[in-house]
Amino acid sequence: MAALLSFSVVTFAEAQPGYDRSRAHAPTRSLPRAHSRIVHNGHTYFYNEGRFYRQSSGLYMSITAPLGAIIPSLPITVKPRQVT
């Protein structure tokens, strides 16, 4: 249940106004300062404000959220909504 819930949260965050999945993100040599390291299904990911990264050839690539990953916090752009 927790894995399913966290996937829903990531999907909800991606659906927020201003999020553009099609926008390309160039590889970067460094991660944002406040990133979190997440190990999921034996793979290491880095997370910051709704974005996941994987390291490849010394660079960090922005990737889609891994299915079932549990995030440490919601992005600051997420606004609470009541579901009835």
N, C-alpha and C. Protein backbone atom coordinates (compact mmCIF):
# COMPACT_ATOMS: atom_id res chain seq x y z
N MET A 1 0.82 -1.19 0.00
CA MET A 1 0.00 0.00 0.00
C MET A 1 0.86 1.26 0.00
N ALA A 2 1.93 1.27 0.80
CA ALA A 2 2.79 2.45 0.87
C ALA A 2 3.44 2.74 -0.49
N ALA A 3 3.88 1.70 -1.18
CA ALA A 3 4.50 1.91 -2.50
C ALA A 3 3.48 2.46 -3.48
N LEU A 4 2.27 1.95 -3.44
CA LEU A 4 1.22 2.44 -4.33
C LEU A 4 0.90 3.89 -4.01
N LEU A 5 0.79 4.22 -2.75
CA LEU A 5 0.50 5.59 -2.34
C LEU A 5 1.59 6.54 -2.80
N SER A 6 2.85 6.15 -2.62
CA SER A 6 3.93 7.06 -3.02
C SER A 6 3.96 7.27 -4.52
N PHE A 7 3.61 6.24 -5.29
CA PHE A 7 3.54 6.41 -6.74
C PHE A 7 2.44 7.41 -7.09
N SER A 8 1.32 7.32 -6.39
CA SER A 8 0.24 8.28 -6.63
C SER A 8 0.69 9.69 -6.32
N VAL A 9 1.46 9.86 -5.26
CA VAL A 9 1.95 11.18 -4.88
C VAL A 9 2.85 11.74 -5.97
N VAL A 10 3.75 10.93 -6.48
CA VAL A 10 4.65 11.39 -7.53
C VAL A 10 3.85 11.78 -8.76
N THR A 11 2.87 10.97 -9.13
CA THR A 11 2.04 11.28 -10.28
C THR A 11 1.29 12.59 -10.06
N PHE A 12 0.75 12.79 -8.86
CA PHE A 12 0.04 14.02 -8.53
C PHE A 12 0.98 15.22 -8.67
N ALA A 13 2.22 15.08 -8.17
CA ALA A 13 3.17 16.19 -8.25
C ALA A 13 3.47 16.53 -9.70
N GLU A 14 3.59 15.52 -10.53
CA GLU A 14 3.87 15.78 -11.93
C GLU A 14 2.71 16.48 -12.63
N ALA A 15 1.52 16.34 -12.10
CA ALA A 15 0.34 16.92 -12.73
C ALA A 15 0.09 18.37 -12.33
N GLN A 16 0.92 18.91 -11.47
CA GLN A 16 0.73 20.28 -11.00
C GLN A 16 0.99 21.29 -12.12
N PRO A 17 0.31 22.45 -12.06
CA PRO A 17 0.54 23.49 -13.06
C PRO A 17 2.02 23.85 -13.14
N GLY A 18 2.51 24.04 -14.33
CA GLY A 18 3.90 24.41 -14.52
C GLY A 18 4.83 23.24 -14.75
N TYR A 19 4.38 22.02 -14.47
CA TYR A 19 5.23 20.85 -14.70
C TYR A 19 5.11 20.46 -16.16
N ASP A 20 6.21 20.40 -16.84
CA ASP A 20 6.20 20.07 -18.27
C ASP A 20 7.10 18.85 -18.49
N ARG A 21 6.49 17.67 -18.58
CA ARG A 21 7.23 16.42 -18.73
C ARG A 21 8.02 16.40 -20.03
N SER A 22 7.53 17.09 -21.05
CA SER A 22 8.20 17.04 -22.35
C SER A 22 9.44 17.93 -22.41
N ARG A 23 9.57 18.86 -21.44
CA ARG A 23 10.72 19.76 -21.44
C ARG A 23 12.00 18.98 -21.16
N ALA A 24 12.96 19.09 -22.03
CA ALA A 24 14.22 18.36 -21.88
C ALA A 24 15.07 19.00 -20.78
N HIS A 25 15.71 18.16 -20.00
CA HIS A 25 16.60 18.65 -18.95
C HIS A 25 18.00 18.16 -19.28
N ALA A 26 18.87 19.08 -19.46
CA ALA A 26 20.25 18.74 -19.83
C ALA A 26 20.94 18.02 -18.68
N PRO A 27 21.80 17.07 -19.00
CA PRO A 27 22.59 16.42 -17.95
C PRO A 27 23.39 17.46 -17.18
N THR A 28 23.63 17.20 -15.91
CA THR A 28 24.36 18.13 -15.07
C THR A 28 25.48 17.41 -14.32
N ARG A 29 26.53 18.14 -14.00
CA ARG A 29 27.66 17.54 -13.27
C ARG A 29 27.42 17.49 -11.77
N SER A 30 26.49 18.29 -11.28
CA SER A 30 26.23 18.29 -9.83
C SER A 30 24.73 18.28 -9.56
N LEU A 31 24.39 17.78 -8.39
CA LEU A 31 23.00 17.72 -7.97
C LEU A 31 22.64 18.95 -7.15
N PRO A 32 21.34 19.25 -7.05
CA PRO A 32 20.94 20.34 -6.16
C PRO A 32 21.42 20.05 -4.73
N ARG A 33 21.70 21.07 -3.98
CA ARG A 33 22.23 20.92 -2.62
C ARG A 33 21.35 20.08 -1.71
N ALA A 34 20.07 20.24 -1.79
CA ALA A 34 19.14 19.58 -0.86
C ALA A 34 18.64 18.23 -1.36
N HIS A 35 19.36 17.58 -2.24
CA HIS A 35 18.89 16.30 -2.79
C HIS A 35 18.91 15.19 -1.74
N SER A 36 18.12 14.16 -2.01
CA SER A 36 18.08 12.96 -1.17
C SER A 36 18.55 11.78 -2.00
N ARG A 37 19.25 10.85 -1.37
CA ARG A 37 19.67 9.62 -2.04
C ARG A 37 18.63 8.55 -1.72
N ILE A 38 18.13 7.90 -2.75
CA ILE A 38 17.10 6.87 -2.60
C ILE A 38 17.58 5.60 -3.27
N VAL A 39 17.52 4.48 -2.56
CA VAL A 39 17.81 3.19 -3.15
C VAL A 39 16.48 2.47 -3.32
N HIS A 40 16.18 2.09 -4.54
CA HIS A 40 14.91 1.44 -4.86
C HIS A 40 15.17 0.29 -5.82
N ASN A 41 14.72 -0.90 -5.46
CA ASN A 41 14.93 -2.10 -6.28
C ASN A 41 16.40 -2.29 -6.67
N GLY A 42 17.30 -1.98 -5.74
CA GLY A 42 18.72 -2.19 -5.98
C GLY A 42 19.40 -1.12 -6.80
N HIS A 43 18.70 -0.07 -7.16
CA HIS A 43 19.27 1.03 -7.95
C HIS A 43 19.32 2.30 -7.11
N THR A 44 20.35 3.09 -7.30
CA THR A 44 20.48 4.35 -6.57
C THR A 44 19.94 5.49 -7.42
N TYR A 45 19.06 6.27 -6.82
CA TYR A 45 18.47 7.45 -7.45
C TYR A 45 18.73 8.64 -6.54
N PHE A 46 18.62 9.81 -7.09
CA PHE A 46 18.71 11.04 -6.32
C PHE A 46 17.43 11.82 -6.59
N TYR A 47 16.90 12.46 -5.55
CA TYR A 47 15.60 13.12 -5.64
C TYR A 47 15.71 14.53 -5.08
N ASN A 48 15.07 15.46 -5.76
CA ASN A 48 14.97 16.83 -5.26
C ASN A 48 13.77 17.52 -5.88
N GLU A 49 12.87 18.03 -5.03
CA GLU A 49 11.71 18.83 -5.45
C GLU A 49 10.96 18.24 -6.64
N GLY A 50 10.61 16.96 -6.56
CA GLY A 50 9.79 16.35 -7.60
C GLY A 50 10.55 15.79 -8.79
N ARG A 51 11.86 15.86 -8.77
CA ARG A 51 12.65 15.38 -9.90
C ARG A 51 13.60 14.28 -9.43
N PHE A 52 13.67 13.21 -10.22
CA PHE A 52 14.58 12.10 -9.96
C PHE A 52 15.77 12.17 -10.92
N TYR A 53 16.93 11.73 -10.44
CA TYR A 53 18.16 11.72 -11.23
C TYR A 53 18.84 10.35 -11.09
N ARG A 54 19.57 9.94 -12.13
CA ARG A 54 20.46 8.78 -12.08
C ARG A 54 21.82 9.25 -12.57
N GLN A 55 22.85 8.66 -11.99
CA GLN A 55 24.21 9.02 -12.41
C GLN A 55 24.63 8.13 -13.57
N SER A 56 25.24 8.74 -14.57
CA SER A 56 25.71 8.02 -15.74
C SER A 56 26.92 8.74 -16.32
N SER A 57 28.03 8.04 -16.41
CA SER A 57 29.27 8.60 -16.99
C SER A 57 29.68 9.93 -16.35
N GLY A 58 29.54 10.03 -15.04
CA GLY A 58 29.95 11.23 -14.34
C GLY A 58 28.96 12.38 -14.39
N LEU A 59 27.82 12.16 -15.04
CA LEU A 59 26.78 13.19 -15.12
C LEU A 59 25.51 12.68 -14.46
N TYR A 60 24.65 13.59 -14.07
CA TYR A 60 23.35 13.23 -13.50
C TYR A 60 22.28 13.54 -14.53
N MET A 61 21.49 12.52 -14.84
CA MET A 61 20.44 12.63 -15.85
C MET A 61 19.09 12.71 -15.14
N SER A 62 18.24 13.63 -15.55
CA SER A 62 16.89 13.72 -15.03
C SER A 62 16.07 12.60 -15.67
N ILE A 63 15.36 11.84 -14.84
CA ILE A 63 14.59 10.70 -15.34
C ILE A 63 13.16 10.75 -14.82
N THR A 64 12.30 9.93 -15.38
CA THR A 64 10.95 9.81 -14.85
C THR A 64 11.01 9.07 -13.52
N ALA A 65 10.04 9.28 -12.69
CA ALA A 65 10.01 8.66 -11.36
C ALA A 65 9.96 7.15 -11.47
N PRO A 66 10.81 6.44 -10.72
CA PRO A 66 10.74 4.98 -10.73
C PRO A 66 9.47 4.51 -10.04
N LEU A 67 8.78 3.57 -10.65
CA LEU A 67 7.53 3.04 -10.12
C LEU A 67 7.73 2.48 -8.72
N GLY A 68 6.98 2.98 -7.76
CA GLY A 68 7.03 2.48 -6.40
C GLY A 68 8.03 3.16 -5.50
N ALA A 69 8.78 4.13 -6.00
CA ALA A 69 9.76 4.83 -5.16
C ALA A 69 9.05 5.63 -4.08
N ILE A 70 9.61 5.63 -2.90
CA ILE A 70 9.06 6.39 -1.78
C ILE A 70 9.89 7.66 -1.63
N ILE A 71 9.22 8.79 -1.69
CA ILE A 71 9.95 10.07 -1.62
C ILE A 71 9.95 10.59 -0.19
N PRO A 72 11.01 11.31 0.20
CA PRO A 72 11.11 11.79 1.58
C PRO A 72 10.20 12.98 1.89
N SER A 73 9.84 13.73 0.88
CA SER A 73 8.97 14.89 1.09
C SER A 73 8.33 15.29 -0.23
N LEU A 74 7.23 16.01 -0.13
CA LEU A 74 6.58 16.51 -1.34
C LEU A 74 7.27 17.78 -1.82
N PRO A 75 7.24 18.02 -3.12
CA PRO A 75 7.81 19.28 -3.64
C PRO A 75 7.07 20.48 -3.05
N ILE A 76 7.75 21.59 -2.90
CA ILE A 76 7.12 22.78 -2.30
C ILE A 76 5.99 23.34 -3.17
N THR A 77 5.95 22.96 -4.43
CA THR A 77 4.90 23.46 -5.32
C THR A 77 3.58 22.72 -5.16
N VAL A 78 3.56 21.61 -4.43
CA VAL A 78 2.33 20.83 -4.24
C VAL A 78 1.44 21.56 -3.25
N LYS A 79 0.19 21.72 -3.65
CA LYS A 79 -0.78 22.36 -2.77
C LYS A 79 -1.75 21.30 -2.25
N PRO A 80 -2.05 21.33 -0.94
CA PRO A 80 -2.97 20.34 -0.38
C PRO A 80 -4.37 20.47 -1.01
N ARG A 81 -4.99 19.33 -1.23
CA ARG A 81 -6.36 19.31 -1.75
C ARG A 81 -7.15 18.25 -1.01
N GLN A 82 -8.39 18.57 -0.74
CA GLN A 82 -9.25 17.63 -0.04
C GLN A 82 -9.94 16.74 -1.05
N VAL A 83 -9.87 15.44 -0.82
CA VAL A 83 -10.51 14.47 -1.70
C VAL A 83 -11.74 13.94 -0.98
N THR A 84 -12.87 14.02 -1.64
CA THR A 84 -14.11 13.53 -1.01
C THR A 84 -14.63 12.31 -1.69
